[in-house]
């Protein structure tokens, strides 16, 4: 399996270890091992992810840092009582080439077929028939122990790059839409997919990204006066706080700005919030309202 280069932020997200802790470990123990880009930025091989995760588990089990920081991955597994995985766990079906590309961390094998599809098929079909099934397959493989967190980060990075390229390069003359995620929501693929669909429908996209504070969403809506504020909510963030945030936001938006929520965690029964359950539903709404001038 090939390695990919990760920044320290990506390494932190993949391992759950704070950036400051990783920097302290590297300064004191030389772990995680890093290289430097031409610009002087530290980068880490994806192989460091699993090692760091097992170091963290060994520390939680009471082992001293001086003993474990230079230990091999095999020794670390032994210390925490976990056997090495069977090679068969890191295999994918030959009839699932996109998942196979993810498992092999093969960027071109994932990127090139998706680009070809986007040249010949509507975006909504590519998302529904290829991207969403791939994400489900990755989730299933993770639950089965066949992949590790860095595989998901690898796939997310590739897909985010493709989708960002679409919405950044398709500025239309249609209505303006703000696309964002609520506070503490870090999953961004959903909002990138919505942004790409909106841009392809001729909307003017203003993308605020993940973990956007409510005052910022409110201020942006009053400043830009968009046709709608679209929010994607993952299953991991469909909580009572989400309902409170949406209700509070719905009461603070300017007249004429519609609040729309989608994703697996979006509530279905909130006054003042339109819930759209699927990407196809978003695409149909965008198409039906693309001529509305605000």
C-alpha atoms as a PDB file:
ATOM      1  CA  UNK A   1       0.000   0.000   0.000  1.00  0.00           C
ATOM      2  CA  UNK A   2       1.330   3.398  -0.949  1.00  0.00           C
ATOM      3  CA  UNK A   3       1.649   6.300   1.446  1.00  0.00           C
ATOM      4  CA  UNK A   4       0.176   9.759   1.096  1.00  0.00           C
ATOM      5  CA  UNK A   5       1.448  12.915   2.721  1.00  0.00           C
ATOM      6  CA  UNK A   6      -0.601  14.415   5.540  1.00  0.00           C
ATOM      7  CA  UNK A   7      -0.342  17.785   7.200  1.00  0.00           C
ATOM      8  CA  UNK A   8      -0.331  17.871  10.978  1.00  0.00           C
ATOM      9  CA  UNK A   9      -3.987  18.916  11.069  1.00  0.00           C
ATOM     10  CA  UNK A  10      -5.007  15.908   8.976  1.00  0.00           C
ATOM     11  CA  UNK A  11      -2.855  13.646  11.154  1.00  0.00           C
ATOM     12  CA  UNK A  12      -4.563  15.049  14.252  1.00  0.00           C
ATOM     13  CA  UNK A  13      -8.040  14.440  12.820  1.00  0.00           C
ATOM     14  CA  UNK A  14      -7.142  10.891  11.750  1.00  0.00           C
ATOM     15  CA  UNK A  15      -5.723   9.924  15.149  1.00  0.00           C
ATOM     16  CA  UNK A  16      -7.752  12.024  17.574  1.00  0.00           C
ATOM     17  CA  UNK A  17      -4.539  13.421  19.093  1.00  0.00           C
ATOM     18  CA  UNK A  18      -4.439  17.243  19.450  1.00  0.00           C
ATOM     19  CA  UNK A  19      -1.981  19.100  17.242  1.00  0.00           C
ATOM     20  CA  UNK A  20      -0.112  20.525  20.246  1.00  0.00           C
ATOM     21  CA  UNK A  21       0.366  17.019  21.659  1.00  0.00           C
ATOM     22  CA  UNK A  22       1.719  15.736  18.342  1.00  0.00           C
ATOM     23  CA  UNK A  23       4.167  18.630  18.216  1.00  0.00           C
ATOM     24  CA  UNK A  24       5.308  17.905  21.770  1.00  0.00           C
ATOM     25  CA  UNK A  25       5.846  14.224  20.972  1.00  0.00           C
ATOM     26  CA  UNK A  26       7.806  15.076  17.855  1.00  0.00           C
ATOM     27  CA  UNK A  27       9.990  17.562  19.712  1.00  0.00           C
ATOM     28  CA  UNK A  28      10.712  15.193  22.609  1.00  0.00           C
ATOM     29  CA  UNK A  29      10.744  11.780  20.970  1.00  0.00           C
ATOM     30  CA  UNK A  30      10.941  12.298  17.208  1.00  0.00           C
ATOM     31  CA  UNK A  31       7.471  10.763  16.844  1.00  0.00           C
ATOM     32  CA  UNK A  32       5.619  11.167  14.567  1.00  0.00           C
ATOM     33  CA  UNK A  33       8.418  11.267  12.002  1.00  0.00           C
ATOM     34  CA  UNK A  34       8.051  14.125   9.552  1.00  0.00           C
ATOM     35  CA  UNK A  35       9.532  15.390   6.327  1.00  0.00           C
ATOM     36  CA  UNK A  36       9.490  18.923   4.947  1.00  0.00           C
ATOM     37  CA  UNK A  37       7.923  20.365   1.833  1.00  0.00           C
ATOM     38  CA  UNK A  38       9.836  22.835  -0.313  1.00  0.00           C
ATOM     39  CA  UNK A  39       7.998  25.559   1.580  1.00  0.00           C
ATOM     40  CA  UNK A  40       9.180  24.199   4.929  1.00  0.00           C
ATOM     41  CA  UNK A  41       5.850  22.699   6.048  1.00  0.00           C
ATOM     42  CA  UNK A  42       5.972  19.436   7.990  1.00  0.00           C
ATOM     43  CA  UNK A  43       4.291  16.472   6.319  1.00  0.00           C
ATOM     44  CA  UNK A  44       3.718  12.954   7.619  1.00  0.00           C
ATOM     45  CA  UNK A  45       3.272   9.636   5.872  1.00  0.00           C
ATOM     46  CA  UNK A  46      -0.153   8.057   6.279  1.00  0.00           C
ATOM     47  CA  UNK A  47       1.551   5.018   7.821  1.00  0.00           C
ATOM     48  CA  UNK A  48       2.127   7.163  10.922  1.00  0.00           C
ATOM     49  CA  UNK A  49      -1.617   7.251  11.607  1.00  0.00           C
ATOM     50  CA  UNK A  50      -1.907   3.661  12.793  1.00  0.00           C
ATOM     51  CA  UNK A  51       1.313   3.912  14.813  1.00  0.00           C
ATOM     52  CA  UNK A  52       0.120   7.051  16.614  1.00  0.00           C
ATOM     53  CA  UNK A  53      -3.225   5.447  17.402  1.00  0.00           C
ATOM     54  CA  UNK A  54      -1.516   2.491  19.043  1.00  0.00           C
ATOM     55  CA  UNK A  55       0.884   4.764  20.931  1.00  0.00           C
ATOM     56  CA  UNK A  56      -2.144   6.591  22.353  1.00  0.00           C
ATOM     57  CA  UNK A  57      -3.715   3.284  23.405  1.00  0.00           C
ATOM     58  CA  UNK A  58      -0.488   2.160  25.046  1.00  0.00           C
ATOM     59  CA  UNK A  59      -0.272   5.422  26.989  1.00  0.00           C
ATOM     60  CA  UNK A  60      -3.873   4.998  28.142  1.00  0.00           C
ATOM     61  CA  UNK A  61      -2.944   1.509  29.344  1.00  0.00           C
ATOM     62  CA  UNK A  62      -0.257   3.006  31.594  1.00  0.00           C
ATOM     63  CA  UNK A  63       2.916   2.383  29.586  1.00  0.00           C
ATOM     64  CA  UNK A  64       5.620   5.039  29.874  1.00  0.00           C
ATOM     65  CA  UNK A  65       6.358   7.227  26.827  1.00  0.00           C
ATOM     66  CA  UNK A  66      10.094   6.461  26.945  1.00  0.00           C
ATOM     67  CA  UNK A  67       9.289   2.773  26.469  1.00  0.00           C
ATOM     68  CA  UNK A  68       6.778   2.964  23.657  1.00  0.00           C
ATOM     69  CA  UNK A  69       7.670   5.922  21.447  1.00  0.00           C
ATOM     70  CA  UNK A  70      10.309   3.976  19.520  1.00  0.00           C
ATOM     71  CA  UNK A  71       8.480   0.650  19.594  1.00  0.00           C
ATOM     72  CA  UNK A  72       7.521  -1.054  16.340  1.00  0.00           C
ATOM     73  CA  UNK A  73       3.894  -1.312  15.327  1.00  0.00           C
ATOM     74  CA  UNK A  74       3.991  -5.045  16.041  1.00  0.00           C
ATOM     75  CA  UNK A  75       5.339  -4.421  19.557  1.00  0.00           C
ATOM     76  CA  UNK A  76       2.707  -1.746  20.154  1.00  0.00           C
ATOM     77  CA  UNK A  77      -0.053  -4.140  19.123  1.00  0.00           C
ATOM     78  CA  UNK A  78       1.335  -6.700  21.552  1.00  0.00           C
ATOM     79  CA  UNK A  79       1.423  -4.149  24.374  1.00  0.00           C
ATOM     80  CA  UNK A  80      -2.268  -3.313  23.952  1.00  0.00           C
ATOM     81  CA  UNK A  81      -3.257  -6.939  23.418  1.00  0.00           C
ATOM     82  CA  UNK A  82      -4.357  -6.682  19.804  1.00  0.00           C
ATOM     83  CA  UNK A  83      -3.115  -9.188  17.228  1.00  0.00           C
ATOM     84  CA  UNK A  84      -1.862  -8.069  13.840  1.00  0.00           C
ATOM     85  CA  UNK A  85      -4.620  -8.012  11.227  1.00  0.00           C
ATOM     86  CA  UNK A  86      -4.913 -10.715   8.646  1.00  0.00           C
ATOM     87  CA  UNK A  87      -3.798  -9.560   5.182  1.00  0.00           C
ATOM     88  CA  UNK A  88      -7.216 -10.530   3.836  1.00  0.00           C
ATOM     89  CA  UNK A  89      -8.808  -7.651   5.737  1.00  0.00           C
ATOM     90  CA  UNK A  90      -7.296  -5.121   3.335  1.00  0.00           C
ATOM     91  CA  UNK A  91      -8.943  -6.355   0.176  1.00  0.00           C
ATOM     92  CA  UNK A  92     -11.793  -5.092  -1.909  1.00  0.00           C
ATOM     93  CA  UNK A  93     -14.043  -6.696  -4.460  1.00  0.00           C
ATOM     94  CA  UNK A  94     -12.677  -6.578  -8.030  1.00  0.00           C
ATOM     95  CA  UNK A  95     -16.051  -5.295  -9.251  1.00  0.00           C
ATOM     96  CA  UNK A  96     -15.814  -2.220  -6.994  1.00  0.00           C
ATOM     97  CA  UNK A  97     -12.901  -0.286  -8.557  1.00  0.00           C
ATOM     98  CA  UNK A  98     -13.538   2.989  -6.708  1.00  0.00           C
ATOM     99  CA  UNK A  99     -13.444   1.322  -3.296  1.00  0.00           C
ATOM    100  CA  UNK A 100     -10.389  -0.653  -4.408  1.00  0.00           C
ATOM    101  CA  UNK A 101      -8.705   2.662  -5.290  1.00  0.00           C
ATOM    102  CA  UNK A 102      -9.481   3.973  -1.803  1.00  0.00           C
ATOM    103  CA  UNK A 103      -8.077   0.859  -0.141  1.00  0.00           C
ATOM    104  CA  UNK A 104      -4.905   1.169  -2.194  1.00  0.00           C
ATOM    105  CA  UNK A 105      -4.689   4.947  -1.625  1.00  0.00           C
ATOM    106  CA  UNK A 106      -4.461   5.261  -5.399  1.00  0.00           C
ATOM    107  CA  UNK A 107      -5.411   8.833  -6.281  1.00  0.00           C
ATOM    108  CA  UNK A 108      -5.460   8.543 -10.094  1.00  0.00           C
ATOM    109  CA  UNK A 109      -7.515   5.329  -9.953  1.00  0.00           C
ATOM    110  CA  UNK A 110     -10.163   7.208  -7.945  1.00  0.00           C
ATOM    111  CA  UNK A 111      -9.903  10.604  -9.602  1.00  0.00           C
ATOM    112  CA  UNK A 112      -9.745   9.704 -13.296  1.00  0.00           C
ATOM    113  CA  UNK A 113     -12.950   7.607 -13.509  1.00  0.00           C
ATOM    114  CA  UNK A 114     -14.920  10.260 -11.630  1.00  0.00           C
ATOM    115  CA  UNK A 115     -13.661  12.972 -13.979  1.00  0.00           C
ATOM    116  CA  UNK A 116     -14.641  10.854 -16.973  1.00  0.00           C
ATOM    117  CA  UNK A 117     -18.116  10.345 -15.546  1.00  0.00           C
ATOM    118  CA  UNK A 118     -18.554  14.071 -14.926  1.00  0.00           C
ATOM    119  CA  UNK A 119     -17.777  14.768 -18.590  1.00  0.00           C
ATOM    120  CA  UNK A 120     -20.497  12.436 -19.817  1.00  0.00           C
ATOM    121  CA  UNK A 121     -23.253  12.289 -17.177  1.00  0.00           C
ATOM    122  CA  UNK A 122     -25.315  14.795 -15.161  1.00  0.00           C
ATOM    123  CA  UNK A 123     -23.756  15.655 -11.823  1.00  0.00           C
ATOM    124  CA  UNK A 124     -26.740  14.381  -9.837  1.00  0.00           C
ATOM    125  CA  UNK A 125     -26.403  10.971 -11.528  1.00  0.00           C
ATOM    126  CA  UNK A 126     -22.688  10.787 -10.756  1.00  0.00           C
ATOM    127  CA  UNK A 127     -23.374  11.633  -7.112  1.00  0.00           C
ATOM    128  CA  UNK A 128     -26.286   9.231  -6.689  1.00  0.00           C
ATOM    129  CA  UNK A 129     -24.874   6.347  -8.713  1.00  0.00           C
ATOM    130  CA  UNK A 130     -21.188   6.521  -7.797  1.00  0.00           C
ATOM    131  CA  UNK A 131     -20.181   8.962  -5.044  1.00  0.00           C
ATOM    132  CA  UNK A 132     -22.890   8.182  -2.476  1.00  0.00           C
ATOM    133  CA  UNK A 133     -22.544   4.377  -2.940  1.00  0.00           C
ATOM    134  CA  UNK A 134     -18.775   4.768  -2.540  1.00  0.00           C
ATOM    135  CA  UNK A 135     -19.243   6.647   0.738  1.00  0.00           C
ATOM    136  CA  UNK A 136     -21.627   3.951   1.977  1.00  0.00           C
ATOM    137  CA  UNK A 137     -19.129   1.249   0.981  1.00  0.00           C
ATOM    138  CA  UNK A 138     -16.361   3.064   2.863  1.00  0.00           C
ATOM    139  CA  UNK A 139     -18.582   3.287   5.942  1.00  0.00           C
ATOM    140  CA  UNK A 140     -19.404  -0.415   5.753  1.00  0.00           C
ATOM    141  CA  UNK A 141     -15.752  -1.359   5.268  1.00  0.00           C
ATOM    142  CA  UNK A 142     -14.805   0.734   8.290  1.00  0.00           C
ATOM    143  CA  UNK A 143     -17.456  -0.981  10.435  1.00  0.00           C
ATOM    144  CA  UNK A 144     -16.105  -4.358   9.295  1.00  0.00           C
ATOM    145  CA  UNK A 145     -12.548  -3.402  10.231  1.00  0.00           C
ATOM    146  CA  UNK A 146     -11.352  -3.555   6.641  1.00  0.00           C
ATOM    147  CA  UNK A 147     -10.104   0.033   6.482  1.00  0.00           C
ATOM    148  CA  UNK A 148      -8.636   2.665   8.773  1.00  0.00           C
ATOM    149  CA  UNK A 149      -9.462   6.351   9.294  1.00  0.00           C
ATOM    150  CA  UNK A 150      -6.855   7.561   6.848  1.00  0.00           C
ATOM    151  CA  UNK A 151      -8.606   5.716   3.996  1.00  0.00           C
ATOM    152  CA  UNK A 152     -11.711   7.797   4.680  1.00  0.00           C
ATOM    153  CA  UNK A 153      -9.658  11.005   4.859  1.00  0.00           C
ATOM    154  CA  UNK A 154      -7.953  10.093   1.586  1.00  0.00           C
ATOM    155  CA  UNK A 155     -11.286   9.561  -0.199  1.00  0.00           C
ATOM    156  CA  UNK A 156     -12.767  12.692   1.363  1.00  0.00           C
ATOM    157  CA  UNK A 157      -9.823  14.775   0.159  1.00  0.00           C
ATOM    158  CA  UNK A 158     -10.152  13.538  -3.426  1.00  0.00           C
ATOM    159  CA  UNK A 159     -13.928  14.020  -3.528  1.00  0.00           C
ATOM    160  CA  UNK A 160     -13.752  17.439  -1.888  1.00  0.00           C
ATOM    161  CA  UNK A 161     -11.206  18.563  -4.472  1.00  0.00           C
ATOM    162  CA  UNK A 162     -13.445  17.472  -7.360  1.00  0.00           C
ATOM    163  CA  UNK A 163     -16.569  19.095  -5.932  1.00  0.00           C
ATOM    164  CA  UNK A 164     -14.793  22.304  -4.947  1.00  0.00           C
ATOM    165  CA  UNK A 165     -13.511  22.639  -8.491  1.00  0.00           C
ATOM    166  CA  UNK A 166     -17.095  22.468  -9.751  1.00  0.00           C
ATOM    167  CA  UNK A 167     -18.666  25.086  -7.509  1.00  0.00           C
ATOM    168  CA  UNK A 168     -15.694  27.430  -7.654  1.00  0.00           C
ATOM    169  CA  UNK A 169     -15.667  27.457 -11.459  1.00  0.00           C
ATOM    170  CA  UNK A 170     -19.393  27.597 -12.277  1.00  0.00           C
ATOM    171  CA  UNK A 171     -20.429  31.068 -11.111  1.00  0.00           C
ATOM    172  CA  UNK A 172     -23.853  31.639 -12.619  1.00  0.00           C
ATOM    173  CA  UNK A 173     -26.215  34.595 -12.883  1.00  0.00           C
ATOM    174  CA  UNK A 174     -29.031  33.014 -10.903  1.00  0.00           C
ATOM    175  CA  UNK A 175     -30.156  33.528  -7.314  1.00  0.00           C
ATOM    176  CA  UNK A 176     -27.608  33.677  -4.528  1.00  0.00           C
ATOM    177  CA  UNK A 177     -27.381  30.872  -1.981  1.00  0.00           C
ATOM    178  CA  UNK A 178     -25.338  30.528   1.216  1.00  0.00           C
ATOM    179  CA  UNK A 179     -24.165  26.981   1.924  1.00  0.00           C
ATOM    180  CA  UNK A 180     -22.699  26.049   5.300  1.00  0.00           C
ATOM    181  CA  UNK A 181     -22.724  23.682   8.271  1.00  0.00           C
ATOM    182  CA  UNK A 182     -23.853  24.339  11.837  1.00  0.00           C
ATOM    183  CA  UNK A 183     -21.523  24.762  14.821  1.00  0.00           C
ATOM    184  CA  UNK A 184     -19.482  21.645  15.661  1.00  0.00           C
ATOM    185  CA  UNK A 185     -20.375  20.009  12.328  1.00  0.00           C
ATOM    186  CA  UNK A 186     -17.070  18.971  10.733  1.00  0.00           C
ATOM    187  CA  UNK A 187     -18.394  16.773   7.924  1.00  0.00           C
ATOM    188  CA  UNK A 188     -18.183  18.802   4.740  1.00  0.00           C
ATOM    189  CA  UNK A 189     -18.792  16.428   1.837  1.00  0.00           C
ATOM    190  CA  UNK A 190     -22.529  17.029   2.063  1.00  0.00           C
ATOM    191  CA  UNK A 191     -22.239  20.785   1.690  1.00  0.00           C
ATOM    192  CA  UNK A 192     -19.682  20.409  -1.113  1.00  0.00           C
ATOM    193  CA  UNK A 193     -22.126  18.176  -3.009  1.00  0.00           C
ATOM    194  CA  UNK A 194     -24.942  20.676  -2.498  1.00  0.00           C
ATOM    195  CA  UNK A 195     -22.691  23.560  -3.551  1.00  0.00           C
ATOM    196  CA  UNK A 196     -21.671  21.721  -6.722  1.00  0.00           C
ATOM    197  CA  UNK A 197     -25.314  20.988  -7.587  1.00  0.00           C
ATOM    198  CA  UNK A 198     -26.279  24.621  -6.989  1.00  0.00           C
ATOM    199  CA  UNK A 199     -23.435  25.917  -9.154  1.00  0.00           C
ATOM    200  CA  UNK A 200     -24.359  23.540 -11.983  1.00  0.00           C
ATOM    201  CA  UNK A 201     -27.915  24.903 -11.811  1.00  0.00           C
ATOM    202  CA  UNK A 202     -26.613  28.435 -12.283  1.00  0.00           C
ATOM    203  CA  UNK A 203     -26.866  29.626  -8.693  1.00  0.00           C
ATOM    204  CA  UNK A 204     -24.314  32.007  -7.209  1.00  0.00           C
ATOM    205  CA  UNK A 205     -22.736  30.039  -4.369  1.00  0.00           C
ATOM    206  CA  UNK A 206     -21.353  31.588  -1.201  1.00  0.00           C
ATOM    207  CA  UNK A 207     -19.705  28.746   0.696  1.00  0.00           C
ATOM    208  CA  UNK A 208     -19.048  29.295   4.414  1.00  0.00           C
ATOM    209  CA  UNK A 209     -17.845  25.768   5.213  1.00  0.00           C
ATOM    210  CA  UNK A 210     -17.924  23.635   8.339  1.00  0.00           C
ATOM    211  CA  UNK A 211     -18.521  24.609  11.971  1.00  0.00           C
ATOM    212  CA  UNK A 212     -20.043  28.011  11.225  1.00  0.00           C
ATOM    213  CA  UNK A 213     -21.205  29.932  14.334  1.00  0.00           C
ATOM    214  CA  UNK A 214     -24.862  30.975  14.391  1.00  0.00           C
ATOM    215  CA  UNK A 215     -24.028  34.711  14.602  1.00  0.00           C
ATOM    216  CA  UNK A 216     -21.937  34.355  11.427  1.00  0.00           C
ATOM    217  CA  UNK A 217     -24.736  32.580   9.583  1.00  0.00           C
ATOM    218  CA  UNK A 218     -27.196  35.246  10.676  1.00  0.00           C
ATOM    219  CA  UNK A 219     -24.868  38.108   9.771  1.00  0.00           C
ATOM    220  CA  UNK A 220     -24.095  36.633   6.360  1.00  0.00           C
ATOM    221  CA  UNK A 221     -27.803  36.219   5.624  1.00  0.00           C
ATOM    222  CA  UNK A 222     -28.559  39.847   6.522  1.00  0.00           C
ATOM    223  CA  UNK A 223     -25.557  41.118   4.577  1.00  0.00           C
ATOM    224  CA  UNK A 224     -26.012  39.077   1.397  1.00  0.00           C
ATOM    225  CA  UNK A 225     -29.821  38.607   1.443  1.00  0.00           C
ATOM    226  CA  UNK A 226     -29.652  35.246  -0.375  1.00  0.00           C
ATOM    227  CA  UNK A 227     -32.601  33.333  -1.764  1.00  0.00           C
ATOM    228  CA  UNK A 228     -31.821  30.551   0.699  1.00  0.00           C
ATOM    229  CA  UNK A 229     -29.478  29.319   3.388  1.00  0.00           C
ATOM    230  CA  UNK A 230     -28.716  25.625   2.809  1.00  0.00           C
ATOM    231  CA  UNK A 231     -27.306  23.505   5.642  1.00  0.00           C
ATOM    232  CA  UNK A 232     -26.142  19.894   5.512  1.00  0.00           C
ATOM    233  CA  UNK A 233     -26.364  17.943   8.786  1.00  0.00           C
ATOM    234  CA  UNK A 234     -24.652  14.577   9.155  1.00  0.00           C
ATOM    235  CA  UNK A 235     -26.068  11.693  11.173  1.00  0.00           C
ATOM    236  CA  UNK A 236     -23.390  12.282  13.815  1.00  0.00           C
ATOM    237  CA  UNK A 237     -24.761  15.782  14.497  1.00  0.00           C
ATOM    238  CA  UNK A 238     -28.505  15.170  14.442  1.00  0.00           C
ATOM    239  CA  UNK A 239     -28.800  16.088  18.138  1.00  0.00           C
ATOM    240  CA  UNK A 240     -31.129  18.197  20.314  1.00  0.00           C
ATOM    241  CA  UNK A 241     -28.566  21.006  19.952  1.00  0.00           C
ATOM    242  CA  UNK A 242     -29.067  20.805  16.192  1.00  0.00           C
ATOM    243  CA  UNK A 243     -32.808  21.317  16.585  1.00  0.00           C
ATOM    244  CA  UNK A 244     -32.235  24.269  18.907  1.00  0.00           C
ATOM    245  CA  UNK A 245     -29.707  25.845  16.545  1.00  0.00           C
ATOM    246  CA  UNK A 246     -31.999  25.498  13.540  1.00  0.00           C
ATOM    247  CA  UNK A 247     -34.998  26.881  15.409  1.00  0.00           C
ATOM    248  CA  UNK A 248     -32.984  29.830  16.686  1.00  0.00           C
ATOM    249  CA  UNK A 249     -31.581  30.540  13.246  1.00  0.00           C
ATOM    250  CA  UNK A 250     -34.981  30.314  11.547  1.00  0.00           C
ATOM    251  CA  UNK A 251     -36.261  33.136  13.729  1.00  0.00           C
ATOM    252  CA  UNK A 252     -33.334  35.439  12.977  1.00  0.00           C
ATOM    253  CA  UNK A 253     -33.114  35.350   9.192  1.00  0.00           C
ATOM    254  CA  UNK A 254     -34.258  38.246   7.008  1.00  0.00           C
ATOM    255  CA  UNK A 255     -37.699  38.029   5.384  1.00  0.00           C
ATOM    256  CA  UNK A 256     -37.588  36.058   2.155  1.00  0.00           C
ATOM    257  CA  UNK A 257     -34.549  33.958   3.074  1.00  0.00           C
ATOM    258  CA  UNK A 258     -35.562  30.314   3.208  1.00  0.00           C
ATOM    259  CA  UNK A 259     -33.763  28.017   5.659  1.00  0.00           C
ATOM    260  CA  UNK A 260     -33.242  24.546   4.208  1.00  0.00           C
ATOM    261  CA  UNK A 261     -31.695  21.574   6.015  1.00  0.00           C
ATOM    262  CA  UNK A 262     -30.688  18.238   4.568  1.00  0.00           C
ATOM    263  CA  UNK A 263     -28.625  15.200   5.410  1.00  0.00           C
ATOM    264  CA  UNK A 264     -29.132  12.155   7.615  1.00  0.00           C
ATOM    265  CA  UNK A 265     -29.198  14.260  10.790  1.00  0.00           C
ATOM    266  CA  UNK A 266     -31.670  16.901   9.622  1.00  0.00           C
ATOM    267  CA  UNK A 267     -34.897  17.069  11.678  1.00  0.00           C
ATOM    268  CA  UNK A 268     -38.115  16.697   9.718  1.00  0.00           C
ATOM    269  CA  UNK A 269     -40.605  18.648  11.817  1.00  0.00           C
ATOM    270  CA  UNK A 270     -39.294  22.124  12.657  1.00  0.00           C
ATOM    271  CA  UNK A 271     -41.341  25.222  11.948  1.00  0.00           C
ATOM    272  CA  UNK A 272     -39.580  27.611   9.627  1.00  0.00           C
ATOM    273  CA  UNK A 273     -37.169  24.972   8.319  1.00  0.00           C
ATOM    274  CA  UNK A 274     -37.649  23.165   5.033  1.00  0.00           C
ATOM    275  CA  UNK A 275     -36.188  19.663   5.252  1.00  0.00           C
ATOM    276  CA  UNK A 276     -35.019  18.019   2.037  1.00  0.00           C
ATOM    277  CA  UNK A 277     -34.155  14.379   2.547  1.00  0.00           C
ATOM    278  CA  UNK A 278     -32.065  13.550  -0.519  1.00  0.00           C
ATOM    279  CA  UNK A 279     -29.600  14.980  -2.992  1.00  0.00           C
ATOM    280  CA  UNK A 280     -32.188  14.506  -5.722  1.00  0.00           C
ATOM    281  CA  UNK A 281     -34.614  16.534  -3.643  1.00  0.00           C
ATOM    282  CA  UNK A 282     -32.055  19.327  -3.322  1.00  0.00           C
ATOM    283  CA  UNK A 283     -31.375  19.224  -7.046  1.00  0.00           C
ATOM    284  CA  UNK A 284     -35.086  19.433  -7.865  1.00  0.00           C
ATOM    285  CA  UNK A 285     -35.563  22.347  -5.483  1.00  0.00           C
ATOM    286  CA  UNK A 286     -32.560  24.151  -6.967  1.00  0.00           C
ATOM    287  CA  UNK A 287     -33.855  23.604 -10.501  1.00  0.00           C
ATOM    288  CA  UNK A 288     -37.373  24.736  -9.609  1.00  0.00           C
ATOM    289  CA  UNK A 289     -36.144  27.944  -7.958  1.00  0.00           C
ATOM    290  CA  UNK A 290     -33.212  28.811 -10.195  1.00  0.00           C
ATOM    291  CA  UNK A 291     -35.123  31.590 -11.965  1.00  0.00           C
ATOM    292  CA  UNK A 292     -36.288  33.279  -8.764  1.00  0.00           C
ATOM    293  CA  UNK A 293     -34.722  36.715  -8.507  1.00  0.00           C
ATOM    294  CA  UNK A 294     -34.095  38.140  -5.066  1.00  0.00           C
END
